[in-house]
N, C-alpha and C. Protein backbone atom coordinates (compact mmCIF):
# COMPACT_ATOMS: atom_id res chain seq x y z
N MET A 1 176.69 52.50 197.79
CA MET A 1 175.45 52.62 199.00
C MET A 1 175.35 54.08 199.05
N VAL A 2 173.87 54.52 199.48
CA VAL A 2 173.19 55.24 199.37
C VAL A 2 172.83 55.99 201.45
N PHE A 3 173.85 57.57 201.68
CA PHE A 3 173.16 57.42 202.44
C PHE A 3 172.39 58.28 202.90
N ARG A 4 171.88 58.75 204.02
CA ARG A 4 170.63 59.17 203.93
C ARG A 4 170.98 59.77 205.51
N ILE A 5 170.76 61.33 204.96
CA ILE A 5 171.23 62.41 206.01
C ILE A 5 170.32 63.32 207.13
N LEU A 6 170.34 63.32 208.18
CA LEU A 6 168.19 63.10 208.26
C LEU A 6 169.04 64.39 209.32
N ASP A 7 167.84 65.35 209.07
CA ASP A 7 167.95 66.57 209.88
C ASP A 7 166.50 66.37 210.92
N ALA A 8 166.11 67.50 212.29
CA ALA A 8 165.31 67.49 212.99
C ALA A 8 163.72 67.70 212.92
N THR A 9 163.97 67.94 211.44
CA THR A 9 162.59 67.28 211.06
C THR A 9 162.10 65.69 210.38
N SER A 10 162.92 65.38 210.47
CA SER A 10 162.58 64.18 209.73
C SER A 10 162.68 63.43 210.26
N PHE A 11 163.27 63.53 211.79
CA PHE A 11 162.97 62.92 213.34
C PHE A 11 161.89 63.64 213.42
N TYR A 12 161.65 64.06 213.89
CA TYR A 12 159.94 65.03 214.29
C TYR A 12 158.23 64.31 213.18
N ALA A 13 159.17 64.05 211.90
CA ALA A 13 157.97 63.91 210.98
C ALA A 13 157.97 61.48 211.11
N GLY A 14 159.46 61.58 211.93
CA GLY A 14 158.98 60.14 212.57
C GLY A 14 159.75 58.63 211.70
N ILE A 15 161.10 59.56 210.32
CA ILE A 15 161.28 58.89 209.43
C ILE A 15 162.19 57.89 209.69
N PRO A 16 163.64 57.69 210.78
CA PRO A 16 163.95 56.83 210.83
C PRO A 16 163.45 55.50 211.86
N PHE A 17 161.92 55.87 212.15
CA PHE A 17 160.96 55.22 213.29
C PHE A 17 160.96 54.30 212.52
N SER A 18 160.41 54.21 211.11
CA SER A 18 158.93 53.57 210.68
C SER A 18 160.42 52.96 209.45
N SER A 19 161.35 53.08 209.08
CA SER A 19 162.44 52.75 208.39
C SER A 19 163.55 51.91 208.90
N GLN A 20 163.92 50.85 208.24
CA GLN A 20 164.88 49.57 208.40
C GLN A 20 166.19 50.68 208.10
N ASP A 21 166.50 50.99 206.91
CA ASP A 21 167.17 51.51 206.72
C ASP A 21 168.78 52.59 207.34
N VAL A 22 169.90 51.87 207.17
CA VAL A 22 171.06 53.42 207.94
C VAL A 22 170.33 54.36 207.55
N SER A 23 171.01 55.49 208.55
CA SER A 23 170.60 57.01 208.27
C SER A 23 171.82 57.78 209.43
N TYR A 24 172.05 59.28 209.46
CA TYR A 24 173.13 59.44 209.78
C TYR A 24 172.66 61.24 210.01
N THR A 25 172.98 61.20 210.96
CA THR A 25 172.70 62.90 211.64
C THR A 25 174.33 63.40 212.05
N THR A 26 174.27 64.47 212.73
CA THR A 26 175.05 64.79 213.46
C THR A 26 174.82 65.25 214.61
N PRO A 27 175.74 64.87 215.60
CA PRO A 27 175.58 65.52 217.12
C PRO A 27 174.79 65.89 217.56
N LEU A 28 174.84 67.40 216.62
CA LEU A 28 174.57 68.64 217.34
C LEU A 28 172.90 68.47 216.84
N VAL A 29 172.68 68.23 215.95
CA VAL A 29 170.84 67.73 215.86
C VAL A 29 170.24 66.34 216.70
N PHE A 30 171.60 65.16 216.64
CA PHE A 30 171.23 64.88 218.44
C PHE A 30 171.12 65.22 219.30
N GLU A 31 171.67 66.08 220.31
CA GLU A 31 170.90 67.10 221.17
C GLU A 31 169.64 67.83 220.84
N GLU A 32 169.52 67.85 219.87
CA GLU A 32 168.40 68.62 219.40
C GLU A 32 167.22 68.10 219.72
N ILE A 33 167.47 66.46 218.98
CA ILE A 33 166.04 65.88 218.66
C ILE A 33 166.22 64.27 219.91
N LYS A 34 166.95 64.79 220.96
CA LYS A 34 167.20 63.24 221.79
C LYS A 34 166.02 63.11 222.53
N HIS A 35 165.54 63.98 222.77
CA HIS A 35 163.88 64.26 224.49
C HIS A 35 162.73 63.06 223.44
N ILE A 36 163.04 63.45 221.90
CA ILE A 36 161.70 62.68 220.98
C ILE A 36 161.86 60.74 221.44
N LYS A 37 160.48 60.37 221.74
CA LYS A 37 160.40 59.31 222.21
C LYS A 37 160.95 58.79 223.58
N LYS A 38 161.35 59.95 224.06
CA LYS A 38 162.85 59.46 225.12
C LYS A 38 162.09 58.76 225.93
N SER A 39 160.73 58.54 226.32
CA SER A 39 160.35 57.53 227.59
C SER A 39 160.22 56.11 226.39
N GLN A 40 160.05 55.62 225.36
CA GLN A 40 160.91 54.38 225.17
C GLN A 40 161.55 53.72 224.43
N GLY A 41 163.35 55.05 224.20
CA GLY A 41 164.12 54.93 224.04
C GLY A 41 164.34 54.23 222.17
N ALA A 42 163.23 55.14 221.68
CA ALA A 42 163.43 54.80 220.51
C ALA A 42 164.75 54.89 220.11
N ILE A 43 165.47 56.22 220.31
CA ILE A 43 166.75 56.83 219.53
C ILE A 43 167.39 55.58 220.28
N THR A 44 167.43 55.64 221.38
CA THR A 44 168.39 54.12 222.20
C THR A 44 168.97 53.14 221.28
N ALA A 45 167.50 52.86 220.59
CA ALA A 45 167.35 51.75 219.82
C ALA A 45 167.51 52.10 218.57
N LEU A 46 167.97 52.96 218.11
CA LEU A 46 167.80 53.28 216.43
C LEU A 46 169.71 53.07 216.97
N ILE A 47 169.70 53.73 217.25
CA ILE A 47 171.44 54.17 217.72
C ILE A 47 171.79 52.35 217.96
N ASP A 48 171.12 51.44 218.94
CA ASP A 48 171.86 50.03 219.27
C ASP A 48 171.95 49.19 218.39
N THR A 49 171.09 49.21 217.87
CA THR A 49 171.05 48.76 215.75
C THR A 49 171.39 49.11 215.03
N ASN A 50 172.23 50.17 215.15
CA ASN A 50 172.47 50.34 214.06
C ASN A 50 172.15 51.25 212.39
N ARG A 51 170.94 51.41 213.51
CA ARG A 51 170.00 52.04 211.89
C ARG A 51 170.04 53.90 212.40
N LEU A 52 170.68 54.13 213.18
CA LEU A 52 171.36 55.20 213.58
C LEU A 52 172.36 55.50 213.76
N LYS A 53 173.33 56.57 212.57
CA LYS A 53 175.01 56.52 213.36
C LYS A 53 174.88 58.38 213.42
N ILE A 54 176.36 58.79 214.71
CA ILE A 54 175.60 59.92 214.68
C ILE A 54 177.27 60.21 213.92
N VAL A 55 177.21 61.17 212.88
CA VAL A 55 179.05 61.68 212.68
C VAL A 55 179.00 63.02 212.82
N GLU A 56 180.08 63.34 213.61
CA GLU A 56 180.83 64.62 213.32
C GLU A 56 181.25 64.98 212.49
N PRO A 57 180.73 65.90 211.39
CA PRO A 57 181.64 66.05 209.77
C PRO A 57 182.42 66.98 209.42
N GLU A 58 183.33 66.72 209.14
CA GLU A 58 185.26 67.24 208.73
C GLU A 58 185.07 68.46 208.85
N GLU A 59 185.64 69.25 209.45
CA GLU A 59 185.90 70.68 209.38
C GLU A 59 185.59 71.17 207.68
N LYS A 60 186.53 70.77 206.63
CA LYS A 60 186.63 71.13 205.95
C LYS A 60 185.78 71.43 205.18
N PHE A 61 184.58 70.08 204.79
CA PHE A 61 183.21 70.28 204.31
C PHE A 61 181.88 71.41 205.57
N VAL A 62 182.50 71.92 207.14
CA VAL A 62 181.93 72.41 207.53
C VAL A 62 181.92 73.86 206.14
N GLN A 63 183.66 74.29 206.26
CA GLN A 63 183.62 75.15 205.59
C GLN A 63 183.09 75.89 203.76
N ILE A 64 183.12 74.65 203.49
CA ILE A 64 182.43 74.22 201.75
C ILE A 64 181.52 75.07 202.01
N THR A 65 180.31 74.48 203.21
CA THR A 65 179.31 75.23 203.18
C THR A 65 178.58 76.28 203.76
N LEU A 66 179.45 76.76 204.88
CA LEU A 66 179.39 77.84 204.95
C LEU A 66 179.92 79.32 203.98
N LYS A 67 180.58 78.79 203.10
CA LYS A 67 181.41 79.49 202.12
C LYS A 67 179.75 79.76 201.35
N LYS A 68 179.49 78.46 200.46
CA LYS A 68 178.54 78.47 199.53
C LYS A 68 177.09 78.92 200.43
N ALA A 69 176.85 78.90 201.41
CA ALA A 69 175.59 79.71 202.28
C ALA A 69 175.86 81.23 202.05
N GLU A 70 176.57 81.30 202.29
CA GLU A 70 177.79 82.81 201.91
C GLU A 70 177.35 83.49 200.97
N GLU A 71 177.53 82.42 199.80
CA GLU A 71 177.17 82.93 198.62
C GLU A 71 175.77 82.50 197.54
N THR A 72 174.56 82.54 198.51
CA THR A 72 173.84 82.06 198.23
C THR A 72 172.85 83.13 198.85
N GLY A 73 172.79 83.81 199.96
CA GLY A 73 172.40 84.08 200.68
C GLY A 73 171.51 83.70 201.91
N ASP A 74 171.86 82.08 201.99
CA ASP A 74 171.12 81.94 203.14
C ASP A 74 171.93 82.21 204.22
N TYR A 75 173.24 82.37 204.48
CA TYR A 75 174.07 82.35 205.74
C TYR A 75 172.94 82.70 206.57
N GLN A 76 172.73 83.61 207.05
CA GLN A 76 171.46 84.14 208.46
C GLN A 76 170.75 82.87 208.91
N ARG A 77 169.62 82.28 207.99
CA ARG A 77 169.13 81.74 207.91
C ARG A 77 169.39 80.26 208.75
N LEU A 78 170.71 80.29 208.96
CA LEU A 78 171.04 78.53 208.63
C LEU A 78 172.39 78.42 210.27
N SER A 79 171.36 77.67 211.15
CA SER A 79 171.80 77.07 212.72
C SER A 79 172.80 76.38 212.27
N LYS A 80 173.15 76.36 213.16
CA LYS A 80 174.61 75.39 212.87
C LYS A 80 174.61 73.86 212.84
N GLU A 81 172.74 73.47 213.32
CA GLU A 81 172.71 72.07 213.42
C GLU A 81 172.46 72.12 212.08
N ASP A 82 172.08 72.78 211.57
CA ASP A 82 171.64 73.30 209.67
C ASP A 82 173.12 72.60 208.76
N VAL A 83 173.79 73.89 209.04
CA VAL A 83 175.01 73.63 208.68
C VAL A 83 175.92 72.48 209.06
N SER A 84 175.78 71.67 210.18
CA SER A 84 176.62 69.98 210.12
C SER A 84 176.04 69.36 209.30
N VAL A 85 174.42 68.97 209.25
CA VAL A 85 173.93 68.14 208.69
C VAL A 85 174.55 68.35 206.68
N LEU A 86 174.27 69.90 206.38
CA LEU A 86 174.74 69.86 204.76
C LEU A 86 176.68 69.45 205.09
N ALA A 87 176.90 69.72 205.88
CA ALA A 87 178.29 69.75 205.50
C ALA A 87 178.61 67.76 206.02
N LEU A 88 177.62 66.51 206.93
CA LEU A 88 177.70 65.78 206.48
C LEU A 88 177.53 65.50 205.51
N CYS A 89 176.14 65.74 205.03
CA CYS A 89 175.37 65.26 203.50
C CYS A 89 176.40 65.58 202.49
N LEU A 90 177.09 66.35 202.11
CA LEU A 90 178.73 67.09 201.16
C LEU A 90 179.31 65.69 201.64
N GLN A 91 179.62 65.39 202.74
CA GLN A 91 181.13 64.48 202.95
C GLN A 91 180.65 62.84 202.80
N LEU A 92 179.90 62.48 202.82
CA LEU A 92 179.35 61.32 202.98
C LEU A 92 178.57 60.82 201.44
N GLY A 93 178.17 62.23 200.50
CA GLY A 93 177.45 61.88 199.18
C GLY A 93 175.93 61.58 199.26
N GLY A 94 175.55 61.56 200.36
CA GLY A 94 174.19 61.57 201.08
C GLY A 94 172.76 62.02 200.07
N GLU A 95 172.02 61.77 200.67
CA GLU A 95 170.75 61.69 200.07
C GLU A 95 170.17 62.74 201.61
N LEU A 96 170.52 64.17 201.34
CA LEU A 96 169.26 65.44 202.81
C LEU A 96 168.10 64.65 202.66
N LEU A 97 167.19 64.37 203.44
CA LEU A 97 165.85 64.63 204.33
C LEU A 97 165.31 66.06 204.92
N THR A 98 165.28 66.97 204.60
CA THR A 98 164.78 67.99 204.99
C THR A 98 163.71 68.66 204.33
N ASP A 99 162.95 69.19 205.23
CA ASP A 99 162.09 70.27 204.67
C ASP A 99 162.10 71.75 204.66
N ASP A 100 163.42 72.23 205.46
CA ASP A 100 164.35 73.91 206.04
C ASP A 100 164.15 73.85 204.23
N PHE A 101 163.80 75.43 204.02
CA PHE A 101 164.13 76.10 202.85
C PHE A 101 165.46 76.13 202.83
N ALA A 102 165.84 77.05 203.77
CA ALA A 102 167.83 77.75 202.92
C ALA A 102 168.63 76.61 203.10
N VAL A 103 168.24 74.83 203.78
CA VAL A 103 168.34 74.29 204.32
C VAL A 103 168.74 73.62 203.20
N SER A 104 167.83 73.39 201.85
CA SER A 104 167.64 72.41 200.96
C SER A 104 168.00 73.75 199.87
N ASN A 105 167.82 74.57 199.69
CA ASN A 105 168.85 75.41 198.87
C ASN A 105 169.79 75.28 198.43
N VAL A 106 170.67 75.05 199.47
CA VAL A 106 172.44 75.65 200.23
C VAL A 106 172.37 74.27 199.57
N ALA A 107 171.58 73.04 200.00
CA ALA A 107 172.17 71.57 199.74
C ALA A 107 172.22 71.82 197.91
N LYS A 108 171.28 72.49 197.38
CA LYS A 108 170.83 72.59 195.50
C LYS A 108 171.85 73.04 194.96
N HIS A 109 173.02 73.47 195.72
CA HIS A 109 173.58 74.62 195.64
C HIS A 109 174.97 74.10 195.95
N LEU A 110 174.79 72.63 196.58
CA LEU A 110 176.31 72.25 196.89
C LEU A 110 175.66 70.76 195.26
N ASN A 111 174.31 70.98 194.73
CA ASN A 111 174.42 69.75 194.14
C ASN A 111 174.11 68.22 194.97
N LEU A 112 173.09 68.41 196.15
CA LEU A 112 173.09 67.66 197.28
C LEU A 112 172.23 67.18 196.29
N LYS A 113 171.37 65.69 196.94
CA LYS A 113 170.34 65.39 196.92
C LYS A 113 169.49 65.54 197.37
N VAL A 114 167.86 66.38 197.61
CA VAL A 114 167.46 66.82 198.49
C VAL A 114 166.15 65.88 198.25
N PHE A 115 165.53 65.34 199.47
CA PHE A 115 164.22 64.96 199.54
C PHE A 115 163.25 66.26 200.80
N PRO A 116 162.12 66.31 200.22
CA PRO A 116 161.54 67.24 201.28
C PRO A 116 160.61 65.75 202.35
N VAL A 117 160.56 66.48 203.86
CA VAL A 117 160.26 65.55 204.60
C VAL A 117 158.43 65.47 204.26
N MET A 118 157.81 66.57 204.76
CA MET A 118 156.29 66.39 204.34
C MET A 118 155.73 67.96 203.78
N THR A 119 157.25 68.61 202.93
CA THR A 119 156.23 69.48 201.81
C THR A 119 156.84 69.33 200.43
N LYS A 120 156.47 69.77 199.64
CA LYS A 120 156.85 70.00 198.30
C LYS A 120 158.46 70.48 197.94
N GLY A 121 158.84 70.59 198.77
CA GLY A 121 160.54 71.46 198.43
C GLY A 121 160.28 72.40 198.22
N ALA A 122 161.78 73.05 197.97
CA ALA A 122 162.18 74.79 198.00
C ALA A 122 162.66 74.35 196.61
N ASP A 123 162.48 75.48 195.34
CA ASP A 123 163.09 76.01 194.16
C ASP A 123 164.80 76.00 194.84
N LYS A 124 165.74 76.07 193.79
CA LYS A 124 166.46 76.96 193.71
C LYS A 124 167.14 77.77 194.14
N LYS A 125 167.31 78.71 195.01
CA LYS A 125 167.14 80.65 194.61
C LYS A 125 169.02 80.70 195.43
N LYS A 126 169.38 82.22 194.75
CA LYS A 126 170.32 83.21 195.33
C LYS A 126 168.65 84.46 196.24
N TRP A 127 169.51 84.33 197.57
CA TRP A 127 169.09 85.55 197.98
C TRP A 127 170.20 87.01 198.53
N ILE A 128 169.23 87.81 198.09
CA ILE A 128 170.07 89.23 198.00
C ILE A 128 169.13 89.16 199.62
N TYR A 129 169.48 90.38 200.38
CA TYR A 129 168.89 91.66 201.54
C TYR A 129 169.31 92.82 200.77
N PHE A 130 168.01 93.48 200.85
CA PHE A 130 168.00 94.75 200.42
C PHE A 130 166.83 95.79 201.51
N CYS A 131 167.62 97.21 202.10
CA CYS A 131 166.78 98.03 202.58
C CYS A 131 165.14 98.73 202.12
N ALA A 132 163.97 98.15 202.62
CA ALA A 132 162.91 99.00 202.26
C ALA A 132 163.27 100.35 202.56
N GLY A 133 164.05 100.82 203.56
CA GLY A 133 164.01 102.26 203.90
C GLY A 133 164.54 103.33 202.15
N CYS A 134 166.48 102.91 202.39
CA CYS A 134 166.75 103.51 201.26
C CYS A 134 167.29 102.61 200.00
N ASN A 135 166.20 101.47 199.61
CA ASN A 135 166.50 100.20 198.83
C ASN A 135 167.67 100.30 197.91
N ALA A 136 168.66 99.89 198.96
CA ALA A 136 169.71 99.31 198.59
C ALA A 136 169.93 98.21 199.25
N ASN A 137 171.08 97.16 197.88
CA ASN A 137 170.77 95.98 198.20
C ASN A 137 171.99 95.64 198.76
N PHE A 138 172.69 94.53 199.85
CA PHE A 138 173.69 93.92 200.53
C PHE A 138 173.69 92.30 200.41
N SER A 139 175.15 92.02 200.18
CA SER A 139 175.13 90.56 200.27
C SER A 139 175.14 90.12 201.71
N LYS A 140 175.47 90.65 203.22
CA LYS A 140 176.29 90.13 204.08
C LYS A 140 175.30 90.78 205.03
N LEU A 141 174.99 91.75 205.21
CA LEU A 141 175.03 92.86 206.40
C LEU A 141 172.96 92.07 207.29
N SER A 142 172.87 92.13 207.99
CA SER A 142 171.38 92.66 208.96
C SER A 142 170.80 93.98 208.89
N VAL A 143 171.61 94.57 209.11
CA VAL A 143 170.57 96.35 209.57
C VAL A 143 171.49 97.01 208.36
N CYS A 144 171.27 97.55 207.61
CA CYS A 144 171.42 98.79 207.08
C CYS A 144 172.80 99.88 206.98
N PRO A 145 173.84 100.00 206.43
CA PRO A 145 174.73 100.73 207.48
C PRO A 145 174.30 102.69 207.59
N THR A 146 173.62 102.47 206.29
CA THR A 146 173.09 104.21 205.75
C THR A 146 171.99 104.11 206.49
N CYS A 147 171.04 103.78 206.60
CA CYS A 147 169.80 104.33 207.94
C CYS A 147 169.24 103.44 209.05
N GLY A 148 170.14 102.24 209.07
CA GLY A 148 170.14 101.45 210.00
C GLY A 148 168.95 100.58 210.83
N SER A 149 168.16 100.31 209.37
CA SER A 149 166.55 99.54 208.79
C SER A 149 166.71 98.25 208.95
N LYS A 150 166.44 97.36 209.69
CA LYS A 150 166.47 95.46 209.40
C LYS A 150 165.96 95.81 207.88
N LEU A 151 167.39 94.32 207.22
CA LEU A 151 167.32 94.60 206.03
C LEU A 151 166.45 92.98 205.92
N MET A 152 166.08 93.31 204.39
CA MET A 152 164.53 92.10 204.62
C MET A 152 165.23 90.79 203.68
N ARG A 153 164.86 90.49 203.32
CA ARG A 153 164.81 89.38 202.20
C ARG A 153 164.33 89.35 200.71
N ARG A 154 164.82 89.06 199.70
CA ARG A 154 164.06 88.21 198.05
C ARG A 154 164.66 88.04 197.45
N SER A 155 164.22 87.28 196.58
CA SER A 155 165.51 85.73 196.01
C SER A 155 165.90 87.12 194.56
N SER A 156 166.66 86.59 194.38
CA SER A 156 168.10 87.63 193.04
C SER A 156 168.06 87.10 191.76
N PRO A 157 167.38 88.45 191.14
CA PRO A 157 167.71 88.00 189.98
C PRO A 157 168.56 87.73 189.41
N ARG A 158 169.21 87.24 188.39
CA ARG A 158 170.38 86.64 187.97
C ARG A 158 171.36 87.73 187.85
N LYS A 159 171.99 89.09 187.98
CA LYS A 159 172.96 89.92 188.16
C LYS A 159 172.31 91.22 188.32
N ILE A 160 173.03 90.93 189.48
CA ILE A 160 172.63 92.27 190.60
C ILE A 160 174.13 92.62 190.91
N SER A 161 174.09 94.16 191.22
CA SER A 161 175.05 94.88 192.16
C SER A 161 175.18 95.25 193.55
N LEU A 162 175.74 94.35 194.28
CA LEU A 162 175.97 94.21 196.24
C LEU A 162 176.77 94.78 196.34
N LYS A 163 175.97 95.58 197.47
CA LYS A 163 177.19 96.16 198.09
C LYS A 163 177.02 95.70 199.27
N LYS A 164 179.17 95.41 199.26
CA LYS A 164 179.39 94.59 200.43
C LYS A 164 179.80 95.57 202.30
N PRO A 165 180.12 94.95 202.85
CA PRO A 165 180.46 95.32 204.11
C PRO A 165 181.49 96.31 204.09
């Protein structure tokens, strides 16, 4: 059985409301979207009919996700909610429905199946952070330690030397 893991975008697009399939999300995403269709009780109906299951991902899958996000350079772009759905998808071996490019990229690097909701999706990339002021490349910083400029992000070529913090 294939599990569909939903991020907030999936709810805003109405995916679980128009499907009879069972879907999963995390408590963090649930908190983010529970206001949707609150007056009609749509989210409650999904839970009551077992079409939506809310599952907390195991910590080991969260750690694997965070490590991969650091490797790809997407770490700074991911929210706690993003990390939680990635970890749950990894844990359940499911298919992730999202339009978030950073989430999609990390998922692809984790060899997860990703399906865009309302966009064409994103290609698999590794990112580097660079200083426009002194042209140095970094892997984990947000501000250049040399000149203090805010770092920018670009797609990484295959081989590049990165300065570690």
